[in-house]
């Protein structure tokens, strides 16, 4: 995947910040290469070769005098840096300028740039965003004016596939924005759209499993734990919509419904712990370890009934909203628009006990008590 930005800064001004948002589903996998530290990046030997995830080429004008500029093409590499704080990923660039003609300095030192990478929601879905801030405008006392940047990310890194195309064949739009030191609050923006092909040829063979009740928690009106796990092949199409219909032997408790998170709190993703009804766990090849987060019962959509709101903490830092439907079929939880992300599994566990959301309407051990959980899954 190649990203190209051409800049035309005015005389005396330089590009300051460069922002890129990739189309939803167009992803890089930080687990596909070992991590390089910031210290290694800046050392004389640089990052190990197996941490490389791409290349970079920069064109710049090195202004020796106000009326004399020397054009130069600077090549470099992109490395998989160790993230800072709650970042899911970080990129490091090392650029090595070429030797300049005499009497200019013959060996300019390397240039280093870093960018955090985040998963962020947008009107079109969840996309990767990165920002290279405060790009250099001088080196060894020479004025440098960047005129273009070309980033190429590898399809495969040392541990496997790095870049992943969207699994939806809908038009996919990425965008780039840049500002300058002279006008830091003004951004020039360019969007570019492509349409993936062959998505209908991707396999989608998920499976589901679950459990209901616990030893000694099987009688009518008992508040029971419930667990459902969806399993996927991350190399196949990604999950778009999930519908889970609970058996008619289960119903929501009035007490739990009365504790639902209010609409204003849900809009702010700031639900109180009293509205928490369970835990969600996702396992994705994009993360080194599974990520767990709370599940709230909340007025999280315009629907009249409260739905499920999943909050996944950093480094994932995502919110997933579900809608609750009630009818002759019983209670159905619908997650209508899951992001185009590769998953190994998604597990949802509802608490039992005094504050449990679900209670039995029939004896769980009695013959004929419905216990089947129906699952319908749709790919992107």
Protein backbone atom coordinates (compact mmCIF):
# COMPACT_ATOMS: atom_id res chain seq x y z
CA UNK A 1 0.00 0.00 0.00
CA UNK A 2 1.52 3.32 -1.09
CA UNK A 3 0.48 6.75 0.19
CA UNK A 4 1.75 9.79 -1.73
CA UNK A 5 1.50 13.41 -0.59
CA UNK A 6 2.69 16.30 -2.75
CA UNK A 7 3.19 19.65 -0.99
CA UNK A 8 3.63 23.09 -2.56
CA UNK A 9 4.63 25.31 0.36
CA UNK A 10 5.10 28.99 -0.31
CA UNK A 11 8.50 30.65 -0.09
CA UNK A 12 9.68 30.88 3.50
CA UNK A 13 7.09 28.41 4.77
CA UNK A 14 7.32 24.67 5.40
CA UNK A 15 5.02 21.70 6.00
CA UNK A 16 4.47 21.21 9.73
CA UNK A 17 2.08 18.30 10.38
CA UNK A 18 0.94 15.49 8.10
CA UNK A 19 -2.22 13.52 8.98
CA UNK A 20 -3.51 10.36 7.27
CA UNK A 21 -6.73 8.43 7.86
CA UNK A 22 -6.93 5.09 6.05
CA UNK A 23 -10.21 3.76 4.75
CA UNK A 24 -12.08 1.50 7.20
CA UNK A 25 -10.81 -2.05 6.87
CA UNK A 26 -7.45 -0.99 5.37
CA UNK A 27 -5.24 -2.03 8.26
CA UNK A 28 -1.68 -2.67 9.31
CA UNK A 29 -0.94 -5.44 11.80
CA UNK A 30 1.68 -4.42 14.40
CA UNK A 31 2.04 -8.07 15.44
CA UNK A 32 3.50 -8.91 12.01
CA UNK A 33 6.98 -7.67 13.01
CA UNK A 34 9.01 -7.37 16.23
CA UNK A 35 9.17 -3.99 17.95
CA UNK A 36 12.03 -1.51 17.70
CA UNK A 37 12.70 0.96 20.50
CA UNK A 38 13.11 4.72 20.05
CA UNK A 39 16.70 4.37 21.23
CA UNK A 40 17.45 1.73 18.60
CA UNK A 41 15.89 3.88 15.88
CA UNK A 42 18.32 6.71 16.70
CA UNK A 43 21.38 4.54 17.27
CA UNK A 44 24.23 4.21 14.79
CA UNK A 45 23.11 0.70 13.83
CA UNK A 46 19.42 1.62 13.64
CA UNK A 47 16.43 -0.70 14.04
CA UNK A 48 16.86 -4.43 13.30
CA UNK A 49 15.90 -5.32 9.75
CA UNK A 50 13.11 -7.66 10.93
CA UNK A 51 11.24 -4.68 12.46
CA UNK A 52 10.88 -3.01 9.06
CA UNK A 53 7.30 -2.57 7.81
CA UNK A 54 7.79 -0.18 4.89
CA UNK A 55 9.84 2.34 2.98
CA UNK A 56 9.70 6.13 2.65
CA UNK A 57 10.88 8.53 -0.03
CA UNK A 58 10.96 12.28 0.53
CA UNK A 59 11.74 14.97 -2.02
CA UNK A 60 12.99 18.23 -0.57
CA UNK A 61 14.63 21.47 -1.56
CA UNK A 62 17.72 22.25 0.50
CA UNK A 63 18.02 26.01 0.34
CA UNK A 64 21.70 26.92 0.54
CA UNK A 65 21.00 30.61 -0.19
CA UNK A 66 17.72 32.48 -0.57
CA UNK A 67 18.12 32.21 -4.35
CA UNK A 68 19.90 28.83 -4.50
CA UNK A 69 18.19 25.54 -3.75
CA UNK A 70 19.51 22.02 -4.18
CA UNK A 71 16.80 19.40 -4.86
CA UNK A 72 17.29 16.08 -3.17
CA UNK A 73 15.50 12.74 -2.99
CA UNK A 74 15.88 11.16 0.45
CA UNK A 75 15.15 7.47 0.95
CA UNK A 76 14.47 5.71 4.21
CA UNK A 77 12.71 2.91 6.03
CA UNK A 78 9.59 2.60 8.18
CA UNK A 79 9.86 0.56 11.38
CA UNK A 80 7.43 -0.97 13.87
CA UNK A 81 8.15 1.07 17.01
CA UNK A 82 7.24 0.17 20.56
CA UNK A 83 3.99 2.04 21.36
CA UNK A 84 3.88 4.66 24.09
CA UNK A 85 1.19 4.67 26.78
CA UNK A 86 -2.15 3.41 25.46
CA UNK A 87 -1.21 3.59 21.77
CA UNK A 88 -2.08 0.46 19.76
CA UNK A 89 0.88 1.04 17.42
CA UNK A 90 3.63 3.53 16.50
CA UNK A 91 5.66 4.04 13.33
CA UNK A 92 9.25 5.24 13.16
CA UNK A 93 10.91 6.71 10.05
CA UNK A 94 14.65 6.92 9.50
CA UNK A 95 15.75 8.96 6.49
CA UNK A 96 19.35 9.19 5.32
CA UNK A 97 20.10 12.28 3.17
CA UNK A 98 22.49 11.88 0.25
CA UNK A 99 25.83 13.63 0.15
CA UNK A 100 25.61 17.23 -1.05
CA UNK A 101 27.94 18.82 -3.61
CA UNK A 102 30.95 20.70 -2.27
CA UNK A 103 31.37 23.03 -0.47
CA UNK A 104 28.18 21.98 1.35
CA UNK A 105 28.30 19.47 4.26
CA UNK A 106 29.17 16.10 2.77
CA UNK A 107 27.26 13.89 5.22
CA UNK A 108 24.07 15.24 6.72
CA UNK A 109 22.89 13.23 9.76
CA UNK A 110 19.81 11.00 9.56
CA UNK A 111 16.34 12.45 10.07
CA UNK A 112 13.93 10.67 12.45
CA UNK A 113 10.14 10.96 12.52
CA UNK A 114 7.59 9.14 14.67
CA UNK A 115 3.84 8.80 14.52
CA UNK A 116 1.34 7.17 16.89
CA UNK A 117 -1.34 5.08 15.19
CA UNK A 118 -4.90 4.89 16.51
CA UNK A 119 -8.19 3.22 15.62
CA UNK A 120 -10.74 6.03 15.45
CA UNK A 121 -14.47 6.12 14.61
CA UNK A 122 -15.68 8.24 11.71
CA UNK A 123 -18.81 8.70 9.64
CA UNK A 124 -17.64 5.86 7.38
CA UNK A 125 -16.60 3.45 10.14
CA UNK A 126 -13.48 2.65 12.16
CA UNK A 127 -10.23 3.67 10.46
CA UNK A 128 -6.52 3.86 11.24
CA UNK A 129 -5.23 7.39 11.85
CA UNK A 130 -1.65 8.62 12.09
CA UNK A 131 -0.04 12.03 12.51
CA UNK A 132 3.58 13.01 11.82
CA UNK A 133 3.98 16.22 13.81
CA UNK A 134 6.56 19.00 13.57
CA UNK A 135 8.37 17.81 10.46
CA UNK A 136 11.93 19.16 10.18
CA UNK A 137 12.55 22.45 8.40
CA UNK A 138 16.31 22.63 8.90
CA UNK A 139 19.22 20.22 9.12
CA UNK A 140 22.78 21.09 10.11
CA UNK A 141 21.94 24.76 9.72
CA UNK A 142 20.50 24.34 6.21
CA UNK A 143 16.89 25.25 5.40
CA UNK A 144 14.91 22.20 4.19
CA UNK A 145 11.59 22.53 2.37
CA UNK A 146 9.75 19.18 1.95
CA UNK A 147 7.88 18.94 -1.36
CA UNK A 148 6.58 15.34 -1.33
CA UNK A 149 6.38 12.24 0.84
CA UNK A 150 5.77 8.70 -0.39
CA UNK A 151 5.10 5.99 2.21
CA UNK A 152 4.94 2.37 1.09
CA UNK A 153 3.81 -0.25 3.60
CA UNK A 154 4.82 -3.87 3.05
CA UNK A 155 2.25 -6.51 2.24
CA UNK A 156 4.25 -8.96 4.35
CA UNK A 157 6.64 -8.26 7.22
CA UNK A 158 9.04 -10.64 8.98
CA UNK A 159 6.29 -12.44 10.94
CA UNK A 160 3.55 -12.53 8.31
CA UNK A 161 0.99 -10.34 6.57
CA UNK A 162 1.28 -6.67 7.55
CA UNK A 163 -1.23 -4.78 5.41
CA UNK A 164 -4.81 -6.03 5.08
CA UNK A 165 -7.33 -4.83 2.52
CA UNK A 166 -10.97 -4.15 3.48
CA UNK A 167 -13.23 -7.19 3.32
CA UNK A 168 -16.10 -5.06 1.98
CA UNK A 169 -16.30 -4.23 -1.72
CA UNK A 170 -17.96 -0.87 -1.09
CA UNK A 171 -16.01 2.23 -2.20
CA UNK A 172 -13.31 2.94 0.40
CA UNK A 173 -12.06 6.48 1.04
CA UNK A 174 -8.81 7.53 2.69
CA UNK A 175 -7.80 11.12 3.31
CA UNK A 176 -4.72 13.20 4.04
CA UNK A 177 -4.33 16.64 5.60
CA UNK A 178 -1.31 18.93 5.96
CA UNK A 179 -0.70 22.32 7.51
CA UNK A 180 2.33 24.60 7.63
CA UNK A 181 4.38 26.44 10.18
CA UNK A 182 3.13 29.73 8.78
CA UNK A 183 -0.54 28.70 8.99
CA UNK A 184 -0.78 25.93 11.62
CA UNK A 185 -4.60 26.20 11.95
CA UNK A 186 -5.25 25.89 8.21
CA UNK A 187 -5.24 22.42 6.69
CA UNK A 188 -5.19 21.39 3.04
CA UNK A 189 -7.09 18.12 2.58
CA UNK A 190 -7.22 15.53 -0.17
CA UNK A 191 -9.41 12.41 -0.26
CA UNK A 192 -8.81 9.39 -2.46
CA UNK A 193 -11.25 6.54 -3.11
CA UNK A 194 -10.79 2.99 -4.35
CA UNK A 195 -13.12 0.00 -4.62
CA UNK A 196 -11.78 -3.38 -3.44
CA UNK A 197 -12.55 -6.40 -5.60
CA UNK A 198 -13.06 -10.09 -4.92
CA UNK A 199 -14.73 -9.59 -1.53
CA UNK A 200 -17.53 -11.98 -2.50
CA UNK A 201 -14.91 -14.71 -2.87
CA UNK A 202 -13.83 -14.47 0.78
CA UNK A 203 -14.91 -17.36 2.98
CA UNK A 204 -16.97 -16.74 6.11
CA UNK A 205 -17.31 -19.78 8.37
CA UNK A 206 -17.84 -18.54 11.94
CA UNK A 207 -19.01 -20.72 14.82
CA UNK A 208 -20.84 -20.03 18.07
CA UNK A 209 -21.00 -21.61 21.49
CA UNK A 210 -22.54 -20.67 24.80
CA UNK A 211 -23.49 -21.62 28.32
CA UNK A 212 -26.46 -20.81 30.54
CA UNK A 213 -26.85 -21.09 34.30
CA UNK A 214 -24.51 -22.39 36.98
CA UNK A 215 -24.54 -25.12 39.66
CA UNK A 216 -27.44 -24.37 41.98
CA UNK A 217 -28.72 -21.55 39.73
CA UNK A 218 -31.39 -23.30 37.68
CA UNK A 219 -34.77 -22.44 39.25
CA UNK A 220 -37.51 -20.08 38.09
CA UNK A 221 -36.64 -16.42 38.91
CA UNK A 222 -32.98 -17.27 39.52
CA UNK A 223 -30.70 -14.63 38.04
CA UNK A 224 -28.38 -16.64 35.86
CA UNK A 225 -25.04 -16.05 34.19
CA UNK A 226 -24.96 -16.36 30.40
CA UNK A 227 -21.94 -16.64 28.14
CA UNK A 228 -21.79 -16.58 24.32
CA UNK A 229 -18.61 -16.88 22.24
CA UNK A 230 -18.35 -16.22 18.51
CA UNK A 231 -15.28 -17.64 16.77
CA UNK A 232 -13.82 -16.52 13.44
CA UNK A 233 -10.97 -17.14 11.05
CA UNK A 234 -9.20 -13.74 10.90
CA UNK A 235 -8.05 -14.47 7.34
CA UNK A 236 -11.68 -14.63 6.18
CA UNK A 237 -14.29 -11.89 5.76
CA UNK A 238 -14.90 -9.75 8.85
CA UNK A 239 -18.10 -9.71 10.88
CA UNK A 240 -20.52 -6.89 10.03
CA UNK A 241 -23.78 -7.79 11.83
CA UNK A 242 -24.47 -10.14 14.74
CA UNK A 243 -27.90 -11.18 16.00
CA UNK A 244 -28.18 -13.30 19.16
CA UNK A 245 -31.66 -14.46 20.19
CA UNK A 246 -32.00 -15.72 23.75
CA UNK A 247 -34.18 -18.71 24.63
CA UNK A 248 -37.78 -18.07 25.80
CA UNK A 249 -36.76 -19.38 29.23
CA UNK A 250 -34.91 -16.08 29.82
CA UNK A 251 -36.17 -12.54 30.45
CA UNK A 252 -34.61 -9.27 31.61
CA UNK A 253 -35.22 -8.31 35.22
CA UNK A 254 -37.19 -5.16 36.01
CA UNK A 255 -34.53 -4.14 38.53
CA UNK A 256 -31.76 -4.30 35.92
CA UNK A 257 -33.82 -2.31 33.41
CA UNK A 258 -34.36 0.41 36.02
CA UNK A 259 -30.56 0.73 36.40
CA UNK A 260 -29.97 1.34 32.69
CA UNK A 261 -27.52 4.10 31.84
CA UNK A 262 -29.29 7.33 30.80
CA UNK A 263 -29.12 8.74 27.31
CA UNK A 264 -26.87 11.69 28.17
CA UNK A 265 -24.41 9.45 30.02
CA UNK A 266 -24.45 6.92 27.19
CA UNK A 267 -23.81 9.65 24.60
CA UNK A 268 -20.72 10.60 26.61
CA UNK A 269 -19.63 6.95 27.08
CA UNK A 270 -19.69 7.65 30.83
CA UNK A 271 -22.10 5.07 32.23
CA UNK A 272 -22.02 4.39 35.98
CA UNK A 273 -20.88 1.03 37.28
CA UNK A 274 -24.44 0.37 38.52
CA UNK A 275 -25.50 -0.11 34.88
CA UNK A 276 -22.78 -2.65 34.13
CA UNK A 277 -24.23 -6.07 33.28
CA UNK A 278 -21.22 -8.05 32.07
CA UNK A 279 -17.86 -8.22 30.34
CA UNK A 280 -16.82 -8.47 26.68
CA UNK A 281 -13.54 -9.96 25.44
CA UNK A 282 -12.17 -9.69 21.91
CA UNK A 283 -9.22 -11.64 20.57
CA UNK A 284 -7.74 -10.09 17.43
CA UNK A 285 -4.47 -10.71 15.58
CA UNK A 286 -3.94 -6.93 15.76
CA UNK A 287 -3.28 -7.19 19.51
CA UNK A 288 -0.72 -9.25 21.41
CA UNK A 289 -3.28 -10.19 24.08
CA UNK A 290 -7.11 -10.36 24.21
CA UNK A 291 -8.77 -7.13 25.36
CA UNK A 292 -11.56 -7.08 27.97
CA UNK A 293 -14.00 -4.31 28.71
CA UNK A 294 -17.30 -3.68 30.52
CA UNK A 295 -20.75 -4.14 29.03
CA UNK A 296 -23.45 -1.68 30.07
CA UNK A 297 -27.21 -1.68 29.70
CA UNK A 298 -27.82 1.78 28.28
CA UNK A 299 -30.11 4.04 26.28
CA UNK A 300 -27.35 4.09 23.68
CA UNK A 301 -29.45 4.41 20.51
CA UNK A 302 -32.71 6.16 19.53
CA UNK A 303 -34.54 2.87 20.20
CA UNK A 304 -37.02 2.99 23.11
CA UNK A 305 -35.48 -0.01 24.88
CA UNK A 306 -32.01 0.10 26.42
CA UNK A 307 -29.37 -1.84 24.50
CA UNK A 308 -25.93 -3.23 25.20
CA UNK A 309 -22.95 -0.89 25.06
CA UNK A 310 -19.48 -2.46 24.94
CA UNK A 311 -16.50 -0.29 25.94
CA UNK A 312 -13.13 -1.74 24.95
CA UNK A 313 -10.26 0.10 26.68
CA UNK A 314 -6.93 1.19 25.14
CA UNK A 315 -5.09 0.09 23.14
CA UNK A 316 -8.27 -0.85 21.23
CA UNK A 317 -10.28 2.09 22.62
CA UNK A 318 -13.53 1.34 20.81
CA UNK A 319 -17.25 1.45 21.64
CA UNK A 320 -19.66 -1.06 20.11
CA UNK A 321 -23.41 -0.46 20.40
CA UNK A 322 -26.13 -3.08 20.37
CA UNK A 323 -29.90 -2.80 20.01
CA UNK A 324 -32.38 -4.87 22.02
CA UNK A 325 -35.45 -6.27 20.26
CA UNK A 326 -38.34 -7.98 22.07
CA UNK A 327 -41.10 -9.98 20.41
CA UNK A 328 -42.74 -13.42 20.19
CA UNK A 329 -39.27 -14.81 19.55
CA UNK A 330 -38.11 -13.58 22.99
CA UNK A 331 -35.20 -11.18 23.47
CA UNK A 332 -32.73 -10.50 20.68
CA UNK A 333 -29.49 -8.51 20.93
CA UNK A 334 -28.37 -7.03 17.63
CA UNK A 335 -24.97 -5.46 16.90
CA UNK A 336 -25.79 -3.99 13.46
CA UNK A 337 -22.54 -2.37 12.35
CA UNK A 338 -19.36 -3.98 13.63
CA UNK A 339 -16.09 -2.51 12.30
CA UNK A 340 -14.18 -4.25 9.52
CA UNK A 341 -11.54 -5.73 11.83
CA UNK A 342 -10.05 -9.23 11.89
CA UNK A 343 -11.16 -11.26 14.91
CA UNK A 344 -10.40 -14.66 16.35
CA UNK A 345 -13.24 -14.49 18.86
CA UNK A 346 -15.77 -12.22 20.54
CA UNK A 347 -17.04 -13.32 23.96
CA UNK A 348 -19.93 -11.77 25.87
CA UNK A 349 -20.49 -12.74 29.51
CA UNK A 350 -23.54 -11.60 31.48
CA UNK A 351 -23.30 -11.55 35.27
CA UNK A 352 -25.60 -13.64 37.41
CA UNK A 353 -26.41 -13.11 41.07
CA UNK A 354 -28.43 -10.35 42.79
CA UNK A 355 -27.56 -7.73 40.18
CA UNK A 356 -27.86 -10.01 37.17
CA UNK A 357 -29.61 -8.83 34.02
CA UNK A 358 -31.31 -12.12 33.14
CA UNK A 359 -33.64 -14.35 35.12
CA UNK A 360 -35.19 -17.72 34.39
CA UNK A 361 -38.88 -17.92 33.52
CA UNK A 362 -38.78 -21.74 33.59
CA UNK A 363 -36.85 -24.35 35.54
CA UNK A 364 -33.64 -24.89 33.61
CA UNK A 365 -33.44 -28.59 34.51
CA UNK A 366 -37.02 -29.41 33.58
CA UNK A 367 -37.61 -31.41 30.40
CA UNK A 368 -38.80 -29.21 27.55
CA UNK A 369 -37.29 -25.96 28.88
CA UNK A 370 -35.94 -24.09 25.85
CA UNK A 371 -32.19 -23.50 26.14
CA UNK A 372 -31.14 -22.93 22.52
CA UNK A 373 -29.44 -19.64 21.71
CA UNK A 374 -29.94 -18.68 18.08
CA UNK A 375 -27.14 -16.81 16.31
CA UNK A 376 -27.17 -15.12 12.90
CA UNK A 377 -23.91 -13.63 11.64
CA UNK A 378 -23.39 -11.55 8.48
CA UNK A 379 -20.05 -10.65 6.86
CA UNK A 380 -19.03 -7.26 5.47
